[in-house]
Amino acid sequence: MTGDEITIVAGIEIPSTDPVFLAVVLAVHIPLGLACVAIGAIAMLSKKRRGRHSKFGTIYFWCLLALSASATFLSLMRWNENYHLFILGVMSFACAWIGRTALRRRWWGWVRLHIAGMGLSYVLMLVAFYVDNGRQLPLWKDLPHFMYWLIPMAVGVPLIIRALLRPPLAPARAGISS
């Protein structure tokens, strides 16, 4: 596949004319990515207790697994151009797995591991999106490429650190004194 093969859908360039690639991107990957962004935000902004937070967190986890699987498939189809997106997808899901497993198995420091893991999974997912699509987005297209990596991290990591310094359940559930 050469770099000259593109398909334009709704003004967005998709770097392939392969019908399988396009079907996976349009029917699977994009809807899963949108679902992860929305559902992950709902989980993050919900009160941290059983119910809404855990329900949406579980849905986010499984949608992220499917998103990572579709990213793996798409990366394999265009490995030389997309191997970094495969790495970001694997890292994103690995962070979510650590965060979810820490919660479910109540590892030592599970609250902070859960916050860090799930938060980093969301940030890495956004990094992958901006690295892949930033050059086509208003405002972002005028930025140097390294900013597609830096901006999501510069916004997300301080928010994660803030949550780690003041976790909502840490004193009550993890034996951490205030």
C-alpha atoms as a PDB file:
ATOM      1  CA  MET A   1       0.000   0.000   0.000  1.00  0.00           C
ATOM      2  CA  THR A   2       1.460   3.393  -0.919  1.00  0.00           C
ATOM      3  CA  GLY A   3       0.983   6.626   0.968  1.00  0.00           C
ATOM      4  CA  ASP A   4      -0.969   8.032  -2.001  1.00  0.00           C
ATOM      5  CA  GLU A   5      -4.065   5.907  -1.441  1.00  0.00           C
ATOM      6  CA  ILE A   6      -6.640   7.906   0.520  1.00  0.00           C
ATOM      7  CA  THR A   7     -10.378   7.996   0.921  1.00  0.00           C
ATOM      8  CA  ILE A   8     -12.179  11.147   2.022  1.00  0.00           C
ATOM      9  CA  VAL A   9     -15.244  10.684   4.231  1.00  0.00           C
ATOM     10  CA  ALA A  10     -17.063  13.767   5.554  1.00  0.00           C
ATOM     11  CA  GLY A  11     -13.978  15.859   4.796  1.00  0.00           C
ATOM     12  CA  ILE A  12     -11.654  13.558   6.749  1.00  0.00           C
ATOM     13  CA  GLU A  13      -8.815  11.762   5.006  1.00  0.00           C
ATOM     14  CA  ILE A  14      -8.602   8.047   5.676  1.00  0.00           C
ATOM     15  CA  PRO A  15      -5.211   6.767   4.487  1.00  0.00           C
ATOM     16  CA  SER A  16      -6.487   3.741   2.583  1.00  0.00           C
ATOM     17  CA  THR A  17      -8.783   2.626  -0.198  1.00  0.00           C
ATOM     18  CA  ASP A  18      -8.948  -0.960   1.076  1.00  0.00           C
ATOM     19  CA  PRO A  19     -12.649  -1.800   1.636  1.00  0.00           C
ATOM     20  CA  VAL A  20     -11.889  -3.967   4.699  1.00  0.00           C
ATOM     21  CA  PHE A  21      -9.813  -1.205   6.299  1.00  0.00           C
ATOM     22  CA  LEU A  22     -12.532   1.359   5.576  1.00  0.00           C
ATOM     23  CA  ALA A  23     -15.283  -0.912   6.908  1.00  0.00           C
ATOM     24  CA  VAL A  24     -13.424  -1.499  10.175  1.00  0.00           C
ATOM     25  CA  VAL A  25     -12.586   2.201  10.569  1.00  0.00           C
ATOM     26  CA  LEU A  26     -16.090   3.465   9.823  1.00  0.00           C
ATOM     27  CA  ALA A  27     -18.267   0.708  11.281  1.00  0.00           C
ATOM     28  CA  VAL A  28     -16.197  -0.368  14.286  1.00  0.00           C
ATOM     29  CA  HIS A  29     -13.235   1.799  15.254  1.00  0.00           C
ATOM     30  CA  ILE A  30     -14.763   5.280  15.088  1.00  0.00           C
ATOM     31  CA  PRO A  31     -18.002   4.333  16.924  1.00  0.00           C
ATOM     32  CA  LEU A  32     -15.981   2.526  19.609  1.00  0.00           C
ATOM     33  CA  GLY A  33     -13.662   5.509  20.004  1.00  0.00           C
ATOM     34  CA  LEU A  34     -16.601   7.882  20.410  1.00  0.00           C
ATOM     35  CA  ALA A  35     -18.207   5.504  22.901  1.00  0.00           C
ATOM     36  CA  CYS A  36     -14.991   5.283  24.934  1.00  0.00           C
ATOM     37  CA  VAL A  37     -14.616   9.054  25.086  1.00  0.00           C
ATOM     38  CA  ALA A  38     -18.230   9.636  26.161  1.00  0.00           C
ATOM     39  CA  ILE A  39     -18.605   6.663  28.507  1.00  0.00           C
ATOM     40  CA  GLY A  40     -15.189   7.219  30.082  1.00  0.00           C
ATOM     41  CA  ALA A  41     -16.076  10.853  30.775  1.00  0.00           C
ATOM     42  CA  ILE A  42     -19.367   9.818  32.387  1.00  0.00           C
ATOM     43  CA  ALA A  43     -17.538   7.319  34.616  1.00  0.00           C
ATOM     44  CA  MET A  44     -14.913   9.890  35.594  1.00  0.00           C
ATOM     45  CA  LEU A  45     -17.464  12.560  36.430  1.00  0.00           C
ATOM     46  CA  SER A  46     -19.815  10.253  38.382  1.00  0.00           C
ATOM     47  CA  LYS A  47     -19.733   9.897  42.154  1.00  0.00           C
ATOM     48  CA  LYS A  48     -17.212   7.226  43.071  1.00  0.00           C
ATOM     49  CA  ARG A  49     -19.374   4.407  44.388  1.00  0.00           C
ATOM     50  CA  ARG A  50     -21.279   1.404  43.126  1.00  0.00           C
ATOM     51  CA  GLY A  51     -23.892   2.254  40.565  1.00  0.00           C
ATOM     52  CA  ARG A  52     -23.334   4.789  37.803  1.00  0.00           C
ATOM     53  CA  HIS A  53     -19.528   5.015  38.204  1.00  0.00           C
ATOM     54  CA  SER A  54     -18.922   1.268  38.259  1.00  0.00           C
ATOM     55  CA  LYS A  55     -21.489   0.557  35.514  1.00  0.00           C
ATOM     56  CA  PHE A  56     -20.012   3.099  33.105  1.00  0.00           C
ATOM     57  CA  GLY A  57     -16.471   2.158  34.139  1.00  0.00           C
ATOM     58  CA  THR A  58     -17.156  -1.456  33.210  1.00  0.00           C
ATOM     59  CA  ILE A  59     -18.658  -0.437  29.863  1.00  0.00           C
ATOM     60  CA  TYR A  60     -15.629   1.814  29.222  1.00  0.00           C
ATOM     61  CA  PHE A  61     -13.250  -1.077  29.970  1.00  0.00           C
ATOM     62  CA  TRP A  62     -14.924  -3.464  27.516  1.00  0.00           C
ATOM     63  CA  CYS A  63     -15.326  -0.781  24.823  1.00  0.00           C
ATOM     64  CA  LEU A  64     -11.631   0.063  25.243  1.00  0.00           C
ATOM     65  CA  LEU A  65     -10.740  -3.620  24.815  1.00  0.00           C
ATOM     66  CA  ALA A  66     -12.720  -3.686  21.555  1.00  0.00           C
ATOM     67  CA  LEU A  67     -11.172  -0.357  20.474  1.00  0.00           C
ATOM     68  CA  SER A  68      -7.680  -1.722  21.161  1.00  0.00           C
ATOM     69  CA  ALA A  69      -8.502  -4.863  19.188  1.00  0.00           C
ATOM     70  CA  SER A  70      -9.701  -2.818  16.207  1.00  0.00           C
ATOM     71  CA  ALA A  71      -6.605  -0.599  16.486  1.00  0.00           C
ATOM     72  CA  THR A  72      -4.448  -3.729  16.451  1.00  0.00           C
ATOM     73  CA  PHE A  73      -6.196  -5.001  13.320  1.00  0.00           C
ATOM     74  CA  LEU A  74      -5.885  -1.614  11.568  1.00  0.00           C
ATOM     75  CA  SER A  75      -2.236  -1.254  12.617  1.00  0.00           C
ATOM     76  CA  LEU A  76      -1.392  -4.664  11.237  1.00  0.00           C
ATOM     77  CA  MET A  77      -2.897  -3.648   7.888  1.00  0.00           C
ATOM     78  CA  ARG A  78      -0.621  -0.588   7.715  1.00  0.00           C
ATOM     79  CA  TRP A  79       2.178  -1.550  10.107  1.00  0.00           C
ATOM     80  CA  ASN A  80       4.911   0.807   8.870  1.00  0.00           C
ATOM     81  CA  GLU A  81       2.604   3.831   9.202  1.00  0.00           C
ATOM     82  CA  ASN A  82       0.671   2.777  12.334  1.00  0.00           C
ATOM     83  CA  TYR A  83       2.867   0.695  14.629  1.00  0.00           C
ATOM     84  CA  HIS A  84       2.964   3.576  17.123  1.00  0.00           C
ATOM     85  CA  LEU A  85      -0.850   3.538  17.282  1.00  0.00           C
ATOM     86  CA  PHE A  86      -0.697  -0.183  18.093  1.00  0.00           C
ATOM     87  CA  ILE A  87       1.721   0.568  20.952  1.00  0.00           C
ATOM     88  CA  LEU A  88      -0.523   3.355  22.279  1.00  0.00           C
ATOM     89  CA  GLY A  89      -3.567   1.062  22.085  1.00  0.00           C
ATOM     90  CA  VAL A  90      -1.807  -1.728  23.958  1.00  0.00           C
ATOM     91  CA  MET A  91      -0.532   0.712  26.590  1.00  0.00           C
ATOM     92  CA  SER A  92      -3.982   2.258  26.994  1.00  0.00           C
ATOM     93  CA  PHE A  93      -5.660  -1.091  27.527  1.00  0.00           C
ATOM     94  CA  ALA A  94      -2.846  -2.316  29.812  1.00  0.00           C
ATOM     95  CA  CYS A  95      -3.361   0.729  32.047  1.00  0.00           C
ATOM     96  CA  ALA A  96      -7.119   0.094  32.150  1.00  0.00           C
ATOM     97  CA  TRP A  97      -6.516  -3.577  32.960  1.00  0.00           C
ATOM     98  CA  ILE A  98      -4.193  -2.645  35.844  1.00  0.00           C
ATOM     99  CA  GLY A  99      -6.712  -0.088  37.136  1.00  0.00           C
ATOM    100  CA  ARG A 100      -9.620  -2.519  36.947  1.00  0.00           C
ATOM    101  CA  THR A 101      -7.672  -5.451  38.387  1.00  0.00           C
ATOM    102  CA  ALA A 102      -6.383  -3.353  41.299  1.00  0.00           C
ATOM    103  CA  LEU A 103      -9.983  -2.470  42.131  1.00  0.00           C
ATOM    104  CA  ARG A 104     -11.399  -5.979  41.751  1.00  0.00           C
ATOM    105  CA  ARG A 105      -8.597  -7.720  43.673  1.00  0.00           C
ATOM    106  CA  ARG A 106      -8.140  -4.941  46.220  1.00  0.00           C
ATOM    107  CA  TRP A 107      -4.387  -4.745  45.747  1.00  0.00           C
ATOM    108  CA  TRP A 108      -2.477  -2.685  48.264  1.00  0.00           C
ATOM    109  CA  GLY A 109      -3.072   0.959  47.290  1.00  0.00           C
ATOM    110  CA  TRP A 110      -5.889  -0.136  44.970  1.00  0.00           C
ATOM    111  CA  VAL A 111      -7.646   3.245  44.945  1.00  0.00           C
ATOM    112  CA  ARG A 112      -4.607   5.070  43.642  1.00  0.00           C
ATOM    113  CA  LEU A 113      -3.754   2.257  41.206  1.00  0.00           C
ATOM    114  CA  HIS A 114      -7.326   2.348  39.926  1.00  0.00           C
ATOM    115  CA  ILE A 115      -7.276   6.129  39.464  1.00  0.00           C
ATOM    116  CA  ALA A 116      -3.862   6.128  37.789  1.00  0.00           C
ATOM    117  CA  GLY A 117      -4.588   3.138  35.562  1.00  0.00           C
ATOM    118  CA  MET A 118      -7.994   4.232  34.332  1.00  0.00           C
ATOM    119  CA  GLY A 119      -6.920   7.873  33.997  1.00  0.00           C
ATOM    120  CA  LEU A 120      -3.805   7.002  32.005  1.00  0.00           C
ATOM    121  CA  SER A 121      -5.807   4.665  29.778  1.00  0.00           C
ATOM    122  CA  TYR A 122      -8.090   7.574  28.858  1.00  0.00           C
ATOM    123  CA  VAL A 123      -5.177   9.966  28.274  1.00  0.00           C
ATOM    124  CA  LEU A 124      -3.297   7.454  26.093  1.00  0.00           C
ATOM    125  CA  MET A 125      -6.455   6.830  24.074  1.00  0.00           C
ATOM    126  CA  LEU A 126      -6.715  10.589  23.438  1.00  0.00           C
ATOM    127  CA  VAL A 127      -3.012  10.788  22.541  1.00  0.00           C
ATOM    128  CA  ALA A 128      -3.560   8.067  19.920  1.00  0.00           C
ATOM    129  CA  PHE A 129      -6.535   9.971  18.507  1.00  0.00           C
ATOM    130  CA  TYR A 130      -4.681  13.276  18.241  1.00  0.00           C
ATOM    131  CA  VAL A 131      -1.481  11.708  16.884  1.00  0.00           C
ATOM    132  CA  ASP A 132      -3.526  10.030  14.147  1.00  0.00           C
ATOM    133  CA  ASN A 133      -5.979  12.850  13.401  1.00  0.00           C
ATOM    134  CA  GLY A 134      -4.484  16.107  14.691  1.00  0.00           C
ATOM    135  CA  ARG A 135      -3.258  17.226  11.279  1.00  0.00           C
ATOM    136  CA  GLN A 136      -6.883  17.305  10.064  1.00  0.00           C
ATOM    137  CA  LEU A 137      -8.484  19.084  13.025  1.00  0.00           C
ATOM    138  CA  PRO A 138      -9.134  22.830  13.219  1.00  0.00           C
ATOM    139  CA  LEU A 139      -6.555  24.579  15.410  1.00  0.00           C
ATOM    140  CA  TRP A 140      -4.613  21.337  15.891  1.00  0.00           C
ATOM    141  CA  LYS A 141      -3.527  21.218  12.231  1.00  0.00           C
ATOM    142  CA  ASP A 142      -1.440  24.360  12.770  1.00  0.00           C
ATOM    143  CA  LEU A 143       0.499  22.826  15.672  1.00  0.00           C
ATOM    144  CA  PRO A 144       3.797  20.959  15.347  1.00  0.00           C
ATOM    145  CA  HIS A 145       3.404  17.168  15.434  1.00  0.00           C
ATOM    146  CA  PHE A 146       4.974  16.720  18.884  1.00  0.00           C
ATOM    147  CA  MET A 147       2.114  18.774  20.367  1.00  0.00           C
ATOM    148  CA  TYR A 148      -0.344  15.987  19.435  1.00  0.00           C
ATOM    149  CA  TRP A 149       1.555  13.866  21.965  1.00  0.00           C
ATOM    150  CA  LEU A 150       2.189  16.582  24.514  1.00  0.00           C
ATOM    151  CA  ILE A 151      -1.141  18.403  24.911  1.00  0.00           C
ATOM    152  CA  PRO A 152      -3.293  15.429  26.016  1.00  0.00           C
ATOM    153  CA  MET A 153      -0.544  14.418  28.466  1.00  0.00           C
ATOM    154  CA  ALA A 154      -0.093  17.995  29.725  1.00  0.00           C
ATOM    155  CA  VAL A 155      -3.815  18.257  30.444  1.00  0.00           C
ATOM    156  CA  GLY A 156      -4.511  14.704  31.627  1.00  0.00           C
ATOM    157  CA  VAL A 157      -1.532  13.915  33.855  1.00  0.00           C
ATOM    158  CA  PRO A 158      -2.024  16.926  36.189  1.00  0.00           C
ATOM    159  CA  LEU A 159      -5.697  15.957  36.559  1.00  0.00           C
ATOM    160  CA  ILE A 160      -4.663  12.409  37.445  1.00  0.00           C
ATOM    161  CA  ILE A 161      -2.095  13.720  39.945  1.00  0.00           C
ATOM    162  CA  ARG A 162      -4.766  15.944  41.511  1.00  0.00           C
ATOM    163  CA  ALA A 163      -7.080  12.933  41.846  1.00  0.00           C
ATOM    164  CA  LEU A 164      -4.241  10.872  43.338  1.00  0.00           C
ATOM    165  CA  LEU A 165      -3.528  13.533  45.931  1.00  0.00           C
ATOM    166  CA  ARG A 166      -7.192  13.691  46.924  1.00  0.00           C
ATOM    167  CA  PRO A 167      -8.769  10.347  46.059  1.00  0.00           C
ATOM    168  CA  PRO A 168     -12.441  10.321  47.025  1.00  0.00           C
ATOM    169  CA  LEU A 169     -12.404   6.893  48.696  1.00  0.00           C
ATOM    170  CA  ALA A 170      -8.797   6.618  49.847  1.00  0.00           C
ATOM    171  CA  PRO A 171      -9.234   7.364  53.575  1.00  0.00           C
ATOM    172  CA  ALA A 172     -12.391   5.270  53.915  1.00  0.00           C
ATOM    173  CA  ARG A 173     -11.463   2.261  51.793  1.00  0.00           C
ATOM    174  CA  ALA A 174      -7.697   2.012  51.515  1.00  0.00           C
ATOM    175  CA  GLY A 175      -6.637   2.663  55.087  1.00  0.00           C
ATOM    176  CA  ILE A 176      -4.978   5.958  54.170  1.00  0.00           C
ATOM    177  CA  SER A 177      -4.992   8.539  56.934  1.00  0.00           C
ATOM    178  CA  SER A 178      -5.827  12.133  56.055  1.00  0.00           C
END
